[in-house]
Amino acid sequence: MIKLKMNYITHVTGEGAVLLAVGKEANEFHKVVKLNVTAAEIVNLLAQPTDEETIVSVLAGTYPDEDRALIASDVKATIEQLRELNVLEDC
């Protein structure tokens, strides 16, 4: 199970969303991460403990015309990028 670390939030913009650090995390994380709509959905799902397969299932339900393997690949890539940014924690 993984989840977004506490003190990271998404803020919806006119073109998607951004990921920001707040509180003590803002002292160390000096970035604004631009998210497309799908990445924002993934980050929002990560607000609660979840796993990759659950995220894939939710997105497959949201986008039933998309190939599940492509969705899984995109979810995996997004999670890897979030891990590189050190904004996820295992739980």
C-alpha atoms as a PDB file:
ATOM      1  CA  MET A   1       0.000   0.000   0.000  1.00  0.00           C
ATOM      2  CA  ILE A   2       1.154   3.504  -0.774  1.00  0.00           C
ATOM      3  CA  LYS A   3      -0.169   6.990  -0.180  1.00  0.00           C
ATOM      4  CA  LEU A   4       0.707  10.625  -0.662  1.00  0.00           C
ATOM      5  CA  LYS A   5       2.752  11.965   2.229  1.00  0.00           C
ATOM      6  CA  MET A   6       1.012  14.310   4.588  1.00  0.00           C
ATOM      7  CA  ASN A   7       1.483  17.985   3.737  1.00  0.00           C
ATOM      8  CA  TYR A   8       1.214  17.524  -0.026  1.00  0.00           C
ATOM      9  CA  ILE A   9      -1.896  18.814  -1.740  1.00  0.00           C
ATOM     10  CA  THR A  10      -3.252  19.252  -5.227  1.00  0.00           C
ATOM     11  CA  HIS A  11      -4.647  22.535  -6.417  1.00  0.00           C
ATOM     12  CA  VAL A  12      -6.919  22.547  -9.464  1.00  0.00           C
ATOM     13  CA  THR A  13      -6.039  25.090 -12.134  1.00  0.00           C
ATOM     14  CA  GLY A  14      -7.684  25.947 -15.436  1.00  0.00           C
ATOM     15  CA  GLU A  15      -5.359  23.536 -17.243  1.00  0.00           C
ATOM     16  CA  GLY A  16      -5.268  20.600 -14.841  1.00  0.00           C
ATOM     17  CA  ALA A  17      -3.750  20.679 -11.375  1.00  0.00           C
ATOM     18  CA  VAL A  18      -0.514  21.204  -9.504  1.00  0.00           C
ATOM     19  CA  LEU A  19       1.043  19.316  -6.622  1.00  0.00           C
ATOM     20  CA  LEU A  20       2.348  21.526  -3.813  1.00  0.00           C
ATOM     21  CA  ALA A  21       3.971  21.038  -0.440  1.00  0.00           C
ATOM     22  CA  VAL A  22       2.483  22.795   2.566  1.00  0.00           C
ATOM     23  CA  GLY A  23       3.522  23.050   6.190  1.00  0.00           C
ATOM     24  CA  LYS A  24       6.979  21.803   7.128  1.00  0.00           C
ATOM     25  CA  GLU A  25       7.356  19.972   3.808  1.00  0.00           C
ATOM     26  CA  ALA A  26       7.309  23.328   1.996  1.00  0.00           C
ATOM     27  CA  ASN A  27      10.655  24.129   3.613  1.00  0.00           C
ATOM     28  CA  GLU A  28      12.265  21.226   1.774  1.00  0.00           C
ATOM     29  CA  PHE A  29      10.150  20.753  -1.361  1.00  0.00           C
ATOM     30  CA  HIS A  30      10.529  23.895  -3.464  1.00  0.00           C
ATOM     31  CA  LYS A  31       8.707  22.660  -6.540  1.00  0.00           C
ATOM     32  CA  VAL A  32       5.358  23.044  -8.186  1.00  0.00           C
ATOM     33  CA  VAL A  33       4.566  19.844 -10.071  1.00  0.00           C
ATOM     34  CA  LYS A  34       2.171  20.354 -12.969  1.00  0.00           C
ATOM     35  CA  LEU A  35      -0.292  17.469 -13.321  1.00  0.00           C
ATOM     36  CA  ASN A  36      -2.501  16.617 -16.248  1.00  0.00           C
ATOM     37  CA  VAL A  37      -6.055  15.538 -15.472  1.00  0.00           C
ATOM     38  CA  THR A  38      -5.208  11.831 -15.212  1.00  0.00           C
ATOM     39  CA  ALA A  39      -2.137  12.411 -13.033  1.00  0.00           C
ATOM     40  CA  ALA A  40      -4.272  14.607 -10.769  1.00  0.00           C
ATOM     41  CA  GLU A  41      -6.801  11.762 -10.461  1.00  0.00           C
ATOM     42  CA  ILE A  42      -3.980   9.378  -9.516  1.00  0.00           C
ATOM     43  CA  VAL A  43      -2.639  11.793  -6.899  1.00  0.00           C
ATOM     44  CA  ASN A  44      -6.139  12.289  -5.475  1.00  0.00           C
ATOM     45  CA  LEU A  45      -6.559   8.514  -5.194  1.00  0.00           C
ATOM     46  CA  LEU A  46      -3.251   8.432  -3.325  1.00  0.00           C
ATOM     47  CA  ALA A  47      -4.664  10.680  -0.599  1.00  0.00           C
ATOM     48  CA  GLN A  48      -5.754   7.434   1.079  1.00  0.00           C
ATOM     49  CA  PRO A  49      -3.713   4.237   1.311  1.00  0.00           C
ATOM     50  CA  THR A  50      -4.158   2.295  -1.915  1.00  0.00           C
ATOM     51  CA  ASP A  51      -2.264   0.149  -4.369  1.00  0.00           C
ATOM     52  CA  GLU A  52      -1.430   0.352  -8.040  1.00  0.00           C
ATOM     53  CA  GLU A  53      -4.036  -2.197  -9.129  1.00  0.00           C
ATOM     54  CA  THR A  54      -6.835  -0.348  -7.341  1.00  0.00           C
ATOM     55  CA  ILE A  55      -5.855   2.877  -9.091  1.00  0.00           C
ATOM     56  CA  VAL A  56      -5.809   1.072 -12.444  1.00  0.00           C
ATOM     57  CA  SER A  57      -9.266  -0.378 -11.755  1.00  0.00           C
ATOM     58  CA  VAL A  58     -10.731   3.018 -10.836  1.00  0.00           C
ATOM     59  CA  LEU A  59      -9.276   4.669 -13.948  1.00  0.00           C
ATOM     60  CA  ALA A  60     -10.389   1.774 -16.159  1.00  0.00           C
ATOM     61  CA  GLY A  61     -13.910   2.393 -14.875  1.00  0.00           C
ATOM     62  CA  THR A  62     -13.592   6.107 -15.534  1.00  0.00           C
ATOM     63  CA  TYR A  63     -12.148   5.575 -19.029  1.00  0.00           C
ATOM     64  CA  PRO A  64     -13.792   2.338 -20.243  1.00  0.00           C
ATOM     65  CA  ASP A  65     -12.754   2.906 -23.868  1.00  0.00           C
ATOM     66  CA  GLU A  66      -9.050   3.004 -22.995  1.00  0.00           C
ATOM     67  CA  ASP A  67      -6.823  -0.065 -23.066  1.00  0.00           C
ATOM     68  CA  ARG A  68      -6.299  -1.357 -19.506  1.00  0.00           C
ATOM     69  CA  ALA A  69      -2.651  -2.186 -20.251  1.00  0.00           C
ATOM     70  CA  LEU A  70      -2.046   1.430 -21.304  1.00  0.00           C
ATOM     71  CA  ILE A  71      -3.752   2.686 -18.160  1.00  0.00           C
ATOM     72  CA  ALA A  72      -1.596   0.354 -16.046  1.00  0.00           C
ATOM     73  CA  SER A  73       1.536   1.599 -17.785  1.00  0.00           C
ATOM     74  CA  ASP A  74       0.585   5.237 -17.204  1.00  0.00           C
ATOM     75  CA  VAL A  75      -0.242   4.593 -13.540  1.00  0.00           C
ATOM     76  CA  LYS A  76       3.088   2.817 -13.030  1.00  0.00           C
ATOM     77  CA  ALA A  77       5.009   5.676 -14.689  1.00  0.00           C
ATOM     78  CA  THR A  78       3.188   8.313 -12.642  1.00  0.00           C
ATOM     79  CA  ILE A  79       3.816   6.463  -9.378  1.00  0.00           C
ATOM     80  CA  GLU A  80       7.508   6.077 -10.270  1.00  0.00           C
ATOM     81  CA  GLN A  81       7.758   9.826 -10.916  1.00  0.00           C
ATOM     82  CA  LEU A  82       6.040  10.581  -7.606  1.00  0.00           C
ATOM     83  CA  ARG A  83       8.443   8.216  -5.830  1.00  0.00           C
ATOM     84  CA  GLU A  84      11.393  10.028  -7.424  1.00  0.00           C
ATOM     85  CA  LEU A  85       9.988  13.281  -6.049  1.00  0.00           C
ATOM     86  CA  ASN A  86       9.784  11.590  -2.623  1.00  0.00           C
ATOM     87  CA  VAL A  87       6.149  12.532  -2.077  1.00  0.00           C
ATOM     88  CA  LEU A  88       4.850   8.983  -1.468  1.00  0.00           C
ATOM     89  CA  GLU A  89       5.124   6.751   1.534  1.00  0.00           C
ATOM     90  CA  ASP A  90       4.586   3.055   2.019  1.00  0.00           C
ATOM     91  CA  CYS A  91       1.951   2.125   4.541  1.00  0.00           C
END
